[in-house]
Amino acid sequence: YGGTNPDDNSGVLRYVRIEYPGIA
């Protein structure tokens, strides 16, 4: 990841729940 475009658009996450993540 990384680059030179500060206005880069990866989409939308809105009204999202993320439960029990973080596996090793």
PDBML (XML) file of the C-alpha atoms, coordinates in Angstrom:
<?xml version="1.0" encoding="UTF-8" ?>
<PDBx:datablock datablockName="MODEL"
   xmlns:PDBx="http://pdbml.pdb.org/schema/pdbx-v50.xsd"
   xmlns:xsi="http://www.w3.org/2001/XMLSchema-instance"
   xsi:schemaLocation="http://pdbml.pdb.org/schema/pdbx-v50.xsd pdbx-v50.xsd">
   <PDBx:atom_siteCategory>
      <PDBx:atom_site id="1">
         <PDBx:B_iso_or_equiv>0.00</PDBx:B_iso_or_equiv>
         <PDBx:Cartn_x>0.000</PDBx:Cartn_x>
         <PDBx:Cartn_y>0.000</PDBx:Cartn_y>
         <PDBx:Cartn_z>0.000</PDBx:Cartn_z>
         <PDBx:auth_asym_id>A</PDBx:auth_asym_id>
         <PDBx:auth_atom_id>CA</PDBx:auth_atom_id>
         <PDBx:auth_comp_id>TYR</PDBx:auth_comp_id>
         <PDBx:auth_seq_id>1</PDBx:auth_seq_id>
         <PDBx:group_PDB>ATOM</PDBx:group_PDB>
         <PDBx:label_alt_id xsi:nil="true" />
         <PDBx:label_asym_id>A</PDBx:label_asym_id>
         <PDBx:label_atom_id>CA</PDBx:label_atom_id>
         <PDBx:label_comp_id>TYR</PDBx:label_comp_id>
         <PDBx:label_entity_id>1</PDBx:label_entity_id>
         <PDBx:label_seq_id>1</PDBx:label_seq_id>
         <PDBx:occupancy>1.00</PDBx:occupancy>
         <PDBx:pdbx_PDB_model_num>1</PDBx:pdbx_PDB_model_num>
         <PDBx:type_symbol>C</PDBx:type_symbol>
      </PDBx:atom_site>
      <PDBx:atom_site id="2">
         <PDBx:B_iso_or_equiv>0.00</PDBx:B_iso_or_equiv>
         <PDBx:Cartn_x>0.941</PDBx:Cartn_x>
         <PDBx:Cartn_y>3.666</PDBx:Cartn_y>
         <PDBx:Cartn_z>-0.265</PDBx:Cartn_z>
         <PDBx:auth_asym_id>A</PDBx:auth_asym_id>
         <PDBx:auth_atom_id>CA</PDBx:auth_atom_id>
         <PDBx:auth_comp_id>GLY</PDBx:auth_comp_id>
         <PDBx:auth_seq_id>2</PDBx:auth_seq_id>
         <PDBx:group_PDB>ATOM</PDBx:group_PDB>
         <PDBx:label_alt_id xsi:nil="true" />
         <PDBx:label_asym_id>A</PDBx:label_asym_id>
         <PDBx:label_atom_id>CA</PDBx:label_atom_id>
         <PDBx:label_comp_id>GLY</PDBx:label_comp_id>
         <PDBx:label_entity_id>1</PDBx:label_entity_id>
         <PDBx:label_seq_id>2</PDBx:label_seq_id>
         <PDBx:occupancy>1.00</PDBx:occupancy>
         <PDBx:pdbx_PDB_model_num>1</PDBx:pdbx_PDB_model_num>
         <PDBx:type_symbol>C</PDBx:type_symbol>
      </PDBx:atom_site>
      <PDBx:atom_site id="3">
         <PDBx:B_iso_or_equiv>0.00</PDBx:B_iso_or_equiv>
         <PDBx:Cartn_x>1.328</PDBx:Cartn_x>
         <PDBx:Cartn_y>6.157</PDBx:Cartn_y>
         <PDBx:Cartn_z>-3.095</PDBx:Cartn_z>
         <PDBx:auth_asym_id>A</PDBx:auth_asym_id>
         <PDBx:auth_atom_id>CA</PDBx:auth_atom_id>
         <PDBx:auth_comp_id>GLY</PDBx:auth_comp_id>
         <PDBx:auth_seq_id>3</PDBx:auth_seq_id>
         <PDBx:group_PDB>ATOM</PDBx:group_PDB>
         <PDBx:label_alt_id xsi:nil="true" />
         <PDBx:label_asym_id>A</PDBx:label_asym_id>
         <PDBx:label_atom_id>CA</PDBx:label_atom_id>
         <PDBx:label_comp_id>GLY</PDBx:label_comp_id>
         <PDBx:label_entity_id>1</PDBx:label_entity_id>
         <PDBx:label_seq_id>3</PDBx:label_seq_id>
         <PDBx:occupancy>1.00</PDBx:occupancy>
         <PDBx:pdbx_PDB_model_num>1</PDBx:pdbx_PDB_model_num>
         <PDBx:type_symbol>C</PDBx:type_symbol>
      </PDBx:atom_site>
      <PDBx:atom_site id="4">
         <PDBx:B_iso_or_equiv>0.00</PDBx:B_iso_or_equiv>
         <PDBx:Cartn_x>1.098</PDBx:Cartn_x>
         <PDBx:Cartn_y>9.817</PDBx:Cartn_y>
         <PDBx:Cartn_z>-4.024</PDBx:Cartn_z>
         <PDBx:auth_asym_id>A</PDBx:auth_asym_id>
         <PDBx:auth_atom_id>CA</PDBx:auth_atom_id>
         <PDBx:auth_comp_id>THR</PDBx:auth_comp_id>
         <PDBx:auth_seq_id>4</PDBx:auth_seq_id>
         <PDBx:group_PDB>ATOM</PDBx:group_PDB>
         <PDBx:label_alt_id xsi:nil="true" />
         <PDBx:label_asym_id>A</PDBx:label_asym_id>
         <PDBx:label_atom_id>CA</PDBx:label_atom_id>
         <PDBx:label_comp_id>THR</PDBx:label_comp_id>
         <PDBx:label_entity_id>1</PDBx:label_entity_id>
         <PDBx:label_seq_id>4</PDBx:label_seq_id>
         <PDBx:occupancy>1.00</PDBx:occupancy>
         <PDBx:pdbx_PDB_model_num>1</PDBx:pdbx_PDB_model_num>
         <PDBx:type_symbol>C</PDBx:type_symbol>
      </PDBx:atom_site>
      <PDBx:atom_site id="5">
         <PDBx:B_iso_or_equiv>0.00</PDBx:B_iso_or_equiv>
         <PDBx:Cartn_x>-2.651</PDBx:Cartn_x>
         <PDBx:Cartn_y>10.521</PDBx:Cartn_y>
         <PDBx:Cartn_z>-4.242</PDBx:Cartn_z>
         <PDBx:auth_asym_id>A</PDBx:auth_asym_id>
         <PDBx:auth_atom_id>CA</PDBx:auth_atom_id>
         <PDBx:auth_comp_id>ASN</PDBx:auth_comp_id>
         <PDBx:auth_seq_id>5</PDBx:auth_seq_id>
         <PDBx:group_PDB>ATOM</PDBx:group_PDB>
         <PDBx:label_alt_id xsi:nil="true" />
         <PDBx:label_asym_id>A</PDBx:label_asym_id>
         <PDBx:label_atom_id>CA</PDBx:label_atom_id>
         <PDBx:label_comp_id>ASN</PDBx:label_comp_id>
         <PDBx:label_entity_id>1</PDBx:label_entity_id>
         <PDBx:label_seq_id>5</PDBx:label_seq_id>
         <PDBx:occupancy>1.00</PDBx:occupancy>
         <PDBx:pdbx_PDB_model_num>1</PDBx:pdbx_PDB_model_num>
         <PDBx:type_symbol>C</PDBx:type_symbol>
      </PDBx:atom_site>
      <PDBx:atom_site id="6">
         <PDBx:B_iso_or_equiv>0.00</PDBx:B_iso_or_equiv>
         <PDBx:Cartn_x>-4.084</PDBx:Cartn_x>
         <PDBx:Cartn_y>12.082</PDBx:Cartn_y>
         <PDBx:Cartn_z>-1.062</PDBx:Cartn_z>
         <PDBx:auth_asym_id>A</PDBx:auth_asym_id>
         <PDBx:auth_atom_id>CA</PDBx:auth_atom_id>
         <PDBx:auth_comp_id>PRO</PDBx:auth_comp_id>
         <PDBx:auth_seq_id>6</PDBx:auth_seq_id>
         <PDBx:group_PDB>ATOM</PDBx:group_PDB>
         <PDBx:label_alt_id xsi:nil="true" />
         <PDBx:label_asym_id>A</PDBx:label_asym_id>
         <PDBx:label_atom_id>CA</PDBx:label_atom_id>
         <PDBx:label_comp_id>PRO</PDBx:label_comp_id>
         <PDBx:label_entity_id>1</PDBx:label_entity_id>
         <PDBx:label_seq_id>6</PDBx:label_seq_id>
         <PDBx:occupancy>1.00</PDBx:occupancy>
         <PDBx:pdbx_PDB_model_num>1</PDBx:pdbx_PDB_model_num>
         <PDBx:type_symbol>C</PDBx:type_symbol>
      </PDBx:atom_site>
      <PDBx:atom_site id="7">
         <PDBx:B_iso_or_equiv>0.00</PDBx:B_iso_or_equiv>
         <PDBx:Cartn_x>-7.564</PDBx:Cartn_x>
         <PDBx:Cartn_y>12.163</PDBx:Cartn_y>
         <PDBx:Cartn_z>-2.671</PDBx:Cartn_z>
         <PDBx:auth_asym_id>A</PDBx:auth_asym_id>
         <PDBx:auth_atom_id>CA</PDBx:auth_atom_id>
         <PDBx:auth_comp_id>ASP</PDBx:auth_comp_id>
         <PDBx:auth_seq_id>7</PDBx:auth_seq_id>
         <PDBx:group_PDB>ATOM</PDBx:group_PDB>
         <PDBx:label_alt_id xsi:nil="true" />
         <PDBx:label_asym_id>A</PDBx:label_asym_id>
         <PDBx:label_atom_id>CA</PDBx:label_atom_id>
         <PDBx:label_comp_id>ASP</PDBx:label_comp_id>
         <PDBx:label_entity_id>1</PDBx:label_entity_id>
         <PDBx:label_seq_id>7</PDBx:label_seq_id>
         <PDBx:occupancy>1.00</PDBx:occupancy>
         <PDBx:pdbx_PDB_model_num>1</PDBx:pdbx_PDB_model_num>
         <PDBx:type_symbol>C</PDBx:type_symbol>
      </PDBx:atom_site>
      <PDBx:atom_site id="8">
         <PDBx:B_iso_or_equiv>0.00</PDBx:B_iso_or_equiv>
         <PDBx:Cartn_x>-7.579</PDBx:Cartn_x>
         <PDBx:Cartn_y>8.440</PDBx:Cartn_y>
         <PDBx:Cartn_z>-3.422</PDBx:Cartn_z>
         <PDBx:auth_asym_id>A</PDBx:auth_asym_id>
         <PDBx:auth_atom_id>CA</PDBx:auth_atom_id>
         <PDBx:auth_comp_id>ASP</PDBx:auth_comp_id>
         <PDBx:auth_seq_id>8</PDBx:auth_seq_id>
         <PDBx:group_PDB>ATOM</PDBx:group_PDB>
         <PDBx:label_alt_id xsi:nil="true" />
         <PDBx:label_asym_id>A</PDBx:label_asym_id>
         <PDBx:label_atom_id>CA</PDBx:label_atom_id>
         <PDBx:label_comp_id>ASP</PDBx:label_comp_id>
         <PDBx:label_entity_id>1</PDBx:label_entity_id>
         <PDBx:label_seq_id>8</PDBx:label_seq_id>
         <PDBx:occupancy>1.00</PDBx:occupancy>
         <PDBx:pdbx_PDB_model_num>1</PDBx:pdbx_PDB_model_num>
         <PDBx:type_symbol>C</PDBx:type_symbol>
      </PDBx:atom_site>
      <PDBx:atom_site id="9">
         <PDBx:B_iso_or_equiv>0.00</PDBx:B_iso_or_equiv>
         <PDBx:Cartn_x>-11.016</PDBx:Cartn_x>
         <PDBx:Cartn_y>6.817</PDBx:Cartn_y>
         <PDBx:Cartn_z>-3.073</PDBx:Cartn_z>
         <PDBx:auth_asym_id>A</PDBx:auth_asym_id>
         <PDBx:auth_atom_id>CA</PDBx:auth_atom_id>
         <PDBx:auth_comp_id>ASN</PDBx:auth_comp_id>
         <PDBx:auth_seq_id>9</PDBx:auth_seq_id>
         <PDBx:group_PDB>ATOM</PDBx:group_PDB>
         <PDBx:label_alt_id xsi:nil="true" />
         <PDBx:label_asym_id>A</PDBx:label_asym_id>
         <PDBx:label_atom_id>CA</PDBx:label_atom_id>
         <PDBx:label_comp_id>ASN</PDBx:label_comp_id>
         <PDBx:label_entity_id>1</PDBx:label_entity_id>
         <PDBx:label_seq_id>9</PDBx:label_seq_id>
         <PDBx:occupancy>1.00</PDBx:occupancy>
         <PDBx:pdbx_PDB_model_num>1</PDBx:pdbx_PDB_model_num>
         <PDBx:type_symbol>C</PDBx:type_symbol>
      </PDBx:atom_site>
      <PDBx:atom_site id="10">
         <PDBx:B_iso_or_equiv>0.00</PDBx:B_iso_or_equiv>
         <PDBx:Cartn_x>-11.387</PDBx:Cartn_x>
         <PDBx:Cartn_y>3.289</PDBx:Cartn_y>
         <PDBx:Cartn_z>-1.664</PDBx:Cartn_z>
         <PDBx:auth_asym_id>A</PDBx:auth_asym_id>
         <PDBx:auth_atom_id>CA</PDBx:auth_atom_id>
         <PDBx:auth_comp_id>SER</PDBx:auth_comp_id>
         <PDBx:auth_seq_id>10</PDBx:auth_seq_id>
         <PDBx:group_PDB>ATOM</PDBx:group_PDB>
         <PDBx:label_alt_id xsi:nil="true" />
         <PDBx:label_asym_id>A</PDBx:label_asym_id>
         <PDBx:label_atom_id>CA</PDBx:label_atom_id>
         <PDBx:label_comp_id>SER</PDBx:label_comp_id>
         <PDBx:label_entity_id>1</PDBx:label_entity_id>
         <PDBx:label_seq_id>10</PDBx:label_seq_id>
         <PDBx:occupancy>1.00</PDBx:occupancy>
         <PDBx:pdbx_PDB_model_num>1</PDBx:pdbx_PDB_model_num>
         <PDBx:type_symbol>C</PDBx:type_symbol>
      </PDBx:atom_site>
      <PDBx:atom_site id="11">
         <PDBx:B_iso_or_equiv>0.00</PDBx:B_iso_or_equiv>
         <PDBx:Cartn_x>-15.170</PDBx:Cartn_x>
         <PDBx:Cartn_y>3.529</PDBx:Cartn_y>
         <PDBx:Cartn_z>-1.333</PDBx:Cartn_z>
         <PDBx:auth_asym_id>A</PDBx:auth_asym_id>
         <PDBx:auth_atom_id>CA</PDBx:auth_atom_id>
         <PDBx:auth_comp_id>GLY</PDBx:auth_comp_id>
         <PDBx:auth_seq_id>11</PDBx:auth_seq_id>
         <PDBx:group_PDB>ATOM</PDBx:group_PDB>
         <PDBx:label_alt_id xsi:nil="true" />
         <PDBx:label_asym_id>A</PDBx:label_asym_id>
         <PDBx:label_atom_id>CA</PDBx:label_atom_id>
         <PDBx:label_comp_id>GLY</PDBx:label_comp_id>
         <PDBx:label_entity_id>1</PDBx:label_entity_id>
         <PDBx:label_seq_id>11</PDBx:label_seq_id>
         <PDBx:occupancy>1.00</PDBx:occupancy>
         <PDBx:pdbx_PDB_model_num>1</PDBx:pdbx_PDB_model_num>
         <PDBx:type_symbol>C</PDBx:type_symbol>
      </PDBx:atom_site>
      <PDBx:atom_site id="12">
         <PDBx:B_iso_or_equiv>0.00</PDBx:B_iso_or_equiv>
         <PDBx:Cartn_x>-17.598</PDBx:Cartn_x>
         <PDBx:Cartn_y>3.782</PDBx:Cartn_y>
         <PDBx:Cartn_z>1.608</PDBx:Cartn_z>
         <PDBx:auth_asym_id>A</PDBx:auth_asym_id>
         <PDBx:auth_atom_id>CA</PDBx:auth_atom_id>
         <PDBx:auth_comp_id>VAL</PDBx:auth_comp_id>
         <PDBx:auth_seq_id>12</PDBx:auth_seq_id>
         <PDBx:group_PDB>ATOM</PDBx:group_PDB>
         <PDBx:label_alt_id xsi:nil="true" />
         <PDBx:label_asym_id>A</PDBx:label_asym_id>
         <PDBx:label_atom_id>CA</PDBx:label_atom_id>
         <PDBx:label_comp_id>VAL</PDBx:label_comp_id>
         <PDBx:label_entity_id>1</PDBx:label_entity_id>
         <PDBx:label_seq_id>12</PDBx:label_seq_id>
         <PDBx:occupancy>1.00</PDBx:occupancy>
         <PDBx:pdbx_PDB_model_num>1</PDBx:pdbx_PDB_model_num>
         <PDBx:type_symbol>C</PDBx:type_symbol>
      </PDBx:atom_site>
      <PDBx:atom_site id="13">
         <PDBx:B_iso_or_equiv>0.00</PDBx:B_iso_or_equiv>
         <PDBx:Cartn_x>-18.004</PDBx:Cartn_x>
         <PDBx:Cartn_y>2.162</PDBx:Cartn_y>
         <PDBx:Cartn_z>5.027</PDBx:Cartn_z>
         <PDBx:auth_asym_id>A</PDBx:auth_asym_id>
         <PDBx:auth_atom_id>CA</PDBx:auth_atom_id>
         <PDBx:auth_comp_id>LEU</PDBx:auth_comp_id>
         <PDBx:auth_seq_id>13</PDBx:auth_seq_id>
         <PDBx:group_PDB>ATOM</PDBx:group_PDB>
         <PDBx:label_alt_id xsi:nil="true" />
         <PDBx:label_asym_id>A</PDBx:label_asym_id>
         <PDBx:label_atom_id>CA</PDBx:label_atom_id>
         <PDBx:label_comp_id>LEU</PDBx:label_comp_id>
         <PDBx:label_entity_id>1</PDBx:label_entity_id>
         <PDBx:label_seq_id>13</PDBx:label_seq_id>
         <PDBx:occupancy>1.00</PDBx:occupancy>
         <PDBx:pdbx_PDB_model_num>1</PDBx:pdbx_PDB_model_num>
         <PDBx:type_symbol>C</PDBx:type_symbol>
      </PDBx:atom_site>
      <PDBx:atom_site id="14">
         <PDBx:B_iso_or_equiv>0.00</PDBx:B_iso_or_equiv>
         <PDBx:Cartn_x>-21.070</PDBx:Cartn_x>
         <PDBx:Cartn_y>3.633</PDBx:Cartn_y>
         <PDBx:Cartn_z>6.700</PDBx:Cartn_z>
         <PDBx:auth_asym_id>A</PDBx:auth_asym_id>
         <PDBx:auth_atom_id>CA</PDBx:auth_atom_id>
         <PDBx:auth_comp_id>ARG</PDBx:auth_comp_id>
         <PDBx:auth_seq_id>14</PDBx:auth_seq_id>
         <PDBx:group_PDB>ATOM</PDBx:group_PDB>
         <PDBx:label_alt_id xsi:nil="true" />
         <PDBx:label_asym_id>A</PDBx:label_asym_id>
         <PDBx:label_atom_id>CA</PDBx:label_atom_id>
         <PDBx:label_comp_id>ARG</PDBx:label_comp_id>
         <PDBx:label_entity_id>1</PDBx:label_entity_id>
         <PDBx:label_seq_id>14</PDBx:label_seq_id>
         <PDBx:occupancy>1.00</PDBx:occupancy>
         <PDBx:pdbx_PDB_model_num>1</PDBx:pdbx_PDB_model_num>
         <PDBx:type_symbol>C</PDBx:type_symbol>
      </PDBx:atom_site>
      <PDBx:atom_site id="15">
         <PDBx:B_iso_or_equiv>0.00</PDBx:B_iso_or_equiv>
         <PDBx:Cartn_x>-23.274</PDBx:Cartn_x>
         <PDBx:Cartn_y>2.086</PDBx:Cartn_y>
         <PDBx:Cartn_z>9.381</PDBx:Cartn_z>
         <PDBx:auth_asym_id>A</PDBx:auth_asym_id>
         <PDBx:auth_atom_id>CA</PDBx:auth_atom_id>
         <PDBx:auth_comp_id>TYR</PDBx:auth_comp_id>
         <PDBx:auth_seq_id>15</PDBx:auth_seq_id>
         <PDBx:group_PDB>ATOM</PDBx:group_PDB>
         <PDBx:label_alt_id xsi:nil="true" />
         <PDBx:label_asym_id>A</PDBx:label_asym_id>
         <PDBx:label_atom_id>CA</PDBx:label_atom_id>
         <PDBx:label_comp_id>TYR</PDBx:label_comp_id>
         <PDBx:label_entity_id>1</PDBx:label_entity_id>
         <PDBx:label_seq_id>15</PDBx:label_seq_id>
         <PDBx:occupancy>1.00</PDBx:occupancy>
         <PDBx:pdbx_PDB_model_num>1</PDBx:pdbx_PDB_model_num>
         <PDBx:type_symbol>C</PDBx:type_symbol>
      </PDBx:atom_site>
      <PDBx:atom_site id="16">
         <PDBx:B_iso_or_equiv>0.00</PDBx:B_iso_or_equiv>
         <PDBx:Cartn_x>-21.040</PDBx:Cartn_x>
         <PDBx:Cartn_y>-0.974</PDBx:Cartn_y>
         <PDBx:Cartn_z>9.678</PDBx:Cartn_z>
         <PDBx:auth_asym_id>A</PDBx:auth_asym_id>
         <PDBx:auth_atom_id>CA</PDBx:auth_atom_id>
         <PDBx:auth_comp_id>VAL</PDBx:auth_comp_id>
         <PDBx:auth_seq_id>16</PDBx:auth_seq_id>
         <PDBx:group_PDB>ATOM</PDBx:group_PDB>
         <PDBx:label_alt_id xsi:nil="true" />
         <PDBx:label_asym_id>A</PDBx:label_asym_id>
         <PDBx:label_atom_id>CA</PDBx:label_atom_id>
         <PDBx:label_comp_id>VAL</PDBx:label_comp_id>
         <PDBx:label_entity_id>1</PDBx:label_entity_id>
         <PDBx:label_seq_id>16</PDBx:label_seq_id>
         <PDBx:occupancy>1.00</PDBx:occupancy>
         <PDBx:pdbx_PDB_model_num>1</PDBx:pdbx_PDB_model_num>
         <PDBx:type_symbol>C</PDBx:type_symbol>
      </PDBx:atom_site>
      <PDBx:atom_site id="17">
         <PDBx:B_iso_or_equiv>0.00</PDBx:B_iso_or_equiv>
         <PDBx:Cartn_x>-20.345</PDBx:Cartn_x>
         <PDBx:Cartn_y>-3.223</PDBx:Cartn_y>
         <PDBx:Cartn_z>12.657</PDBx:Cartn_z>
         <PDBx:auth_asym_id>A</PDBx:auth_asym_id>
         <PDBx:auth_atom_id>CA</PDBx:auth_atom_id>
         <PDBx:auth_comp_id>ARG</PDBx:auth_comp_id>
         <PDBx:auth_seq_id>17</PDBx:auth_seq_id>
         <PDBx:group_PDB>ATOM</PDBx:group_PDB>
         <PDBx:label_alt_id xsi:nil="true" />
         <PDBx:label_asym_id>A</PDBx:label_asym_id>
         <PDBx:label_atom_id>CA</PDBx:label_atom_id>
         <PDBx:label_comp_id>ARG</PDBx:label_comp_id>
         <PDBx:label_entity_id>1</PDBx:label_entity_id>
         <PDBx:label_seq_id>17</PDBx:label_seq_id>
         <PDBx:occupancy>1.00</PDBx:occupancy>
         <PDBx:pdbx_PDB_model_num>1</PDBx:pdbx_PDB_model_num>
         <PDBx:type_symbol>C</PDBx:type_symbol>
      </PDBx:atom_site>
      <PDBx:atom_site id="18">
         <PDBx:B_iso_or_equiv>0.00</PDBx:B_iso_or_equiv>
         <PDBx:Cartn_x>-17.181</PDBx:Cartn_x>
         <PDBx:Cartn_y>-5.336</PDBx:Cartn_y>
         <PDBx:Cartn_z>12.830</PDBx:Cartn_z>
         <PDBx:auth_asym_id>A</PDBx:auth_asym_id>
         <PDBx:auth_atom_id>CA</PDBx:auth_atom_id>
         <PDBx:auth_comp_id>ILE</PDBx:auth_comp_id>
         <PDBx:auth_seq_id>18</PDBx:auth_seq_id>
         <PDBx:group_PDB>ATOM</PDBx:group_PDB>
         <PDBx:label_alt_id xsi:nil="true" />
         <PDBx:label_asym_id>A</PDBx:label_asym_id>
         <PDBx:label_atom_id>CA</PDBx:label_atom_id>
         <PDBx:label_comp_id>ILE</PDBx:label_comp_id>
         <PDBx:label_entity_id>1</PDBx:label_entity_id>
         <PDBx:label_seq_id>18</PDBx:label_seq_id>
         <PDBx:occupancy>1.00</PDBx:occupancy>
         <PDBx:pdbx_PDB_model_num>1</PDBx:pdbx_PDB_model_num>
         <PDBx:type_symbol>C</PDBx:type_symbol>
      </PDBx:atom_site>
      <PDBx:atom_site id="19">
         <PDBx:B_iso_or_equiv>0.00</PDBx:B_iso_or_equiv>
         <PDBx:Cartn_x>-17.458</PDBx:Cartn_x>
         <PDBx:Cartn_y>-7.911</PDBx:Cartn_y>
         <PDBx:Cartn_z>15.632</PDBx:Cartn_z>
         <PDBx:auth_asym_id>A</PDBx:auth_asym_id>
         <PDBx:auth_atom_id>CA</PDBx:auth_atom_id>
         <PDBx:auth_comp_id>GLU</PDBx:auth_comp_id>
         <PDBx:auth_seq_id>19</PDBx:auth_seq_id>
         <PDBx:group_PDB>ATOM</PDBx:group_PDB>
         <PDBx:label_alt_id xsi:nil="true" />
         <PDBx:label_asym_id>A</PDBx:label_asym_id>
         <PDBx:label_atom_id>CA</PDBx:label_atom_id>
         <PDBx:label_comp_id>GLU</PDBx:label_comp_id>
         <PDBx:label_entity_id>1</PDBx:label_entity_id>
         <PDBx:label_seq_id>19</PDBx:label_seq_id>
         <PDBx:occupancy>1.00</PDBx:occupancy>
         <PDBx:pdbx_PDB_model_num>1</PDBx:pdbx_PDB_model_num>
         <PDBx:type_symbol>C</PDBx:type_symbol>
      </PDBx:atom_site>
      <PDBx:atom_site id="20">
         <PDBx:B_iso_or_equiv>0.00</PDBx:B_iso_or_equiv>
         <PDBx:Cartn_x>-14.874</PDBx:Cartn_x>
         <PDBx:Cartn_y>-10.364</PDBx:Cartn_y>
         <PDBx:Cartn_z>17.095</PDBx:Cartn_z>
         <PDBx:auth_asym_id>A</PDBx:auth_asym_id>
         <PDBx:auth_atom_id>CA</PDBx:auth_atom_id>
         <PDBx:auth_comp_id>TYR</PDBx:auth_comp_id>
         <PDBx:auth_seq_id>20</PDBx:auth_seq_id>
         <PDBx:group_PDB>ATOM</PDBx:group_PDB>
         <PDBx:label_alt_id xsi:nil="true" />
         <PDBx:label_asym_id>A</PDBx:label_asym_id>
         <PDBx:label_atom_id>CA</PDBx:label_atom_id>
         <PDBx:label_comp_id>TYR</PDBx:label_comp_id>
         <PDBx:label_entity_id>1</PDBx:label_entity_id>
         <PDBx:label_seq_id>20</PDBx:label_seq_id>
         <PDBx:occupancy>1.00</PDBx:occupancy>
         <PDBx:pdbx_PDB_model_num>1</PDBx:pdbx_PDB_model_num>
         <PDBx:type_symbol>C</PDBx:type_symbol>
      </PDBx:atom_site>
      <PDBx:atom_site id="21">
         <PDBx:B_iso_or_equiv>0.00</PDBx:B_iso_or_equiv>
         <PDBx:Cartn_x>-12.060</PDBx:Cartn_x>
         <PDBx:Cartn_y>-9.611</PDBx:Cartn_y>
         <PDBx:Cartn_z>14.578</PDBx:Cartn_z>
         <PDBx:auth_asym_id>A</PDBx:auth_asym_id>
         <PDBx:auth_atom_id>CA</PDBx:auth_atom_id>
         <PDBx:auth_comp_id>PRO</PDBx:auth_comp_id>
         <PDBx:auth_seq_id>21</PDBx:auth_seq_id>
         <PDBx:group_PDB>ATOM</PDBx:group_PDB>
         <PDBx:label_alt_id xsi:nil="true" />
         <PDBx:label_asym_id>A</PDBx:label_asym_id>
         <PDBx:label_atom_id>CA</PDBx:label_atom_id>
         <PDBx:label_comp_id>PRO</PDBx:label_comp_id>
         <PDBx:label_entity_id>1</PDBx:label_entity_id>
         <PDBx:label_seq_id>21</PDBx:label_seq_id>
         <PDBx:occupancy>1.00</PDBx:occupancy>
         <PDBx:pdbx_PDB_model_num>1</PDBx:pdbx_PDB_model_num>
         <PDBx:type_symbol>C</PDBx:type_symbol>
      </PDBx:atom_site>
      <PDBx:atom_site id="22">
         <PDBx:B_iso_or_equiv>0.00</PDBx:B_iso_or_equiv>
         <PDBx:Cartn_x>-8.300</PDBx:Cartn_x>
         <PDBx:Cartn_y>-9.496</PDBx:Cartn_y>
         <PDBx:Cartn_z>15.216</PDBx:Cartn_z>
         <PDBx:auth_asym_id>A</PDBx:auth_asym_id>
         <PDBx:auth_atom_id>CA</PDBx:auth_atom_id>
         <PDBx:auth_comp_id>GLY</PDBx:auth_comp_id>
         <PDBx:auth_seq_id>22</PDBx:auth_seq_id>
         <PDBx:group_PDB>ATOM</PDBx:group_PDB>
         <PDBx:label_alt_id xsi:nil="true" />
         <PDBx:label_asym_id>A</PDBx:label_asym_id>
         <PDBx:label_atom_id>CA</PDBx:label_atom_id>
         <PDBx:label_comp_id>GLY</PDBx:label_comp_id>
         <PDBx:label_entity_id>1</PDBx:label_entity_id>
         <PDBx:label_seq_id>22</PDBx:label_seq_id>
         <PDBx:occupancy>1.00</PDBx:occupancy>
         <PDBx:pdbx_PDB_model_num>1</PDBx:pdbx_PDB_model_num>
         <PDBx:type_symbol>C</PDBx:type_symbol>
      </PDBx:atom_site>
      <PDBx:atom_site id="23">
         <PDBx:B_iso_or_equiv>0.00</PDBx:B_iso_or_equiv>
         <PDBx:Cartn_x>-7.135</PDBx:Cartn_x>
         <PDBx:Cartn_y>-13.073</PDBx:Cartn_y>
         <PDBx:Cartn_z>14.709</PDBx:Cartn_z>
         <PDBx:auth_asym_id>A</PDBx:auth_asym_id>
         <PDBx:auth_atom_id>CA</PDBx:auth_atom_id>
         <PDBx:auth_comp_id>ILE</PDBx:auth_comp_id>
         <PDBx:auth_seq_id>23</PDBx:auth_seq_id>
         <PDBx:group_PDB>ATOM</PDBx:group_PDB>
         <PDBx:label_alt_id xsi:nil="true" />
         <PDBx:label_asym_id>A</PDBx:label_asym_id>
         <PDBx:label_atom_id>CA</PDBx:label_atom_id>
         <PDBx:label_comp_id>ILE</PDBx:label_comp_id>
         <PDBx:label_entity_id>1</PDBx:label_entity_id>
         <PDBx:label_seq_id>23</PDBx:label_seq_id>
         <PDBx:occupancy>1.00</PDBx:occupancy>
         <PDBx:pdbx_PDB_model_num>1</PDBx:pdbx_PDB_model_num>
         <PDBx:type_symbol>C</PDBx:type_symbol>
      </PDBx:atom_site>
      <PDBx:atom_site id="24">
         <PDBx:B_iso_or_equiv>0.00</PDBx:B_iso_or_equiv>
         <PDBx:Cartn_x>-3.408</PDBx:Cartn_x>
         <PDBx:Cartn_y>-13.736</PDBx:Cartn_y>
         <PDBx:Cartn_z>15.111</PDBx:Cartn_z>
         <PDBx:auth_asym_id>A</PDBx:auth_asym_id>
         <PDBx:auth_atom_id>CA</PDBx:auth_atom_id>
         <PDBx:auth_comp_id>ALA</PDBx:auth_comp_id>
         <PDBx:auth_seq_id>24</PDBx:auth_seq_id>
         <PDBx:group_PDB>ATOM</PDBx:group_PDB>
         <PDBx:label_alt_id xsi:nil="true" />
         <PDBx:label_asym_id>A</PDBx:label_asym_id>
         <PDBx:label_atom_id>CA</PDBx:label_atom_id>
         <PDBx:label_comp_id>ALA</PDBx:label_comp_id>
         <PDBx:label_entity_id>1</PDBx:label_entity_id>
         <PDBx:label_seq_id>24</PDBx:label_seq_id>
         <PDBx:occupancy>1.00</PDBx:occupancy>
         <PDBx:pdbx_PDB_model_num>1</PDBx:pdbx_PDB_model_num>
         <PDBx:type_symbol>C</PDBx:type_symbol>
      </PDBx:atom_site>
   </PDBx:atom_siteCategory>
</PDBx:datablock>
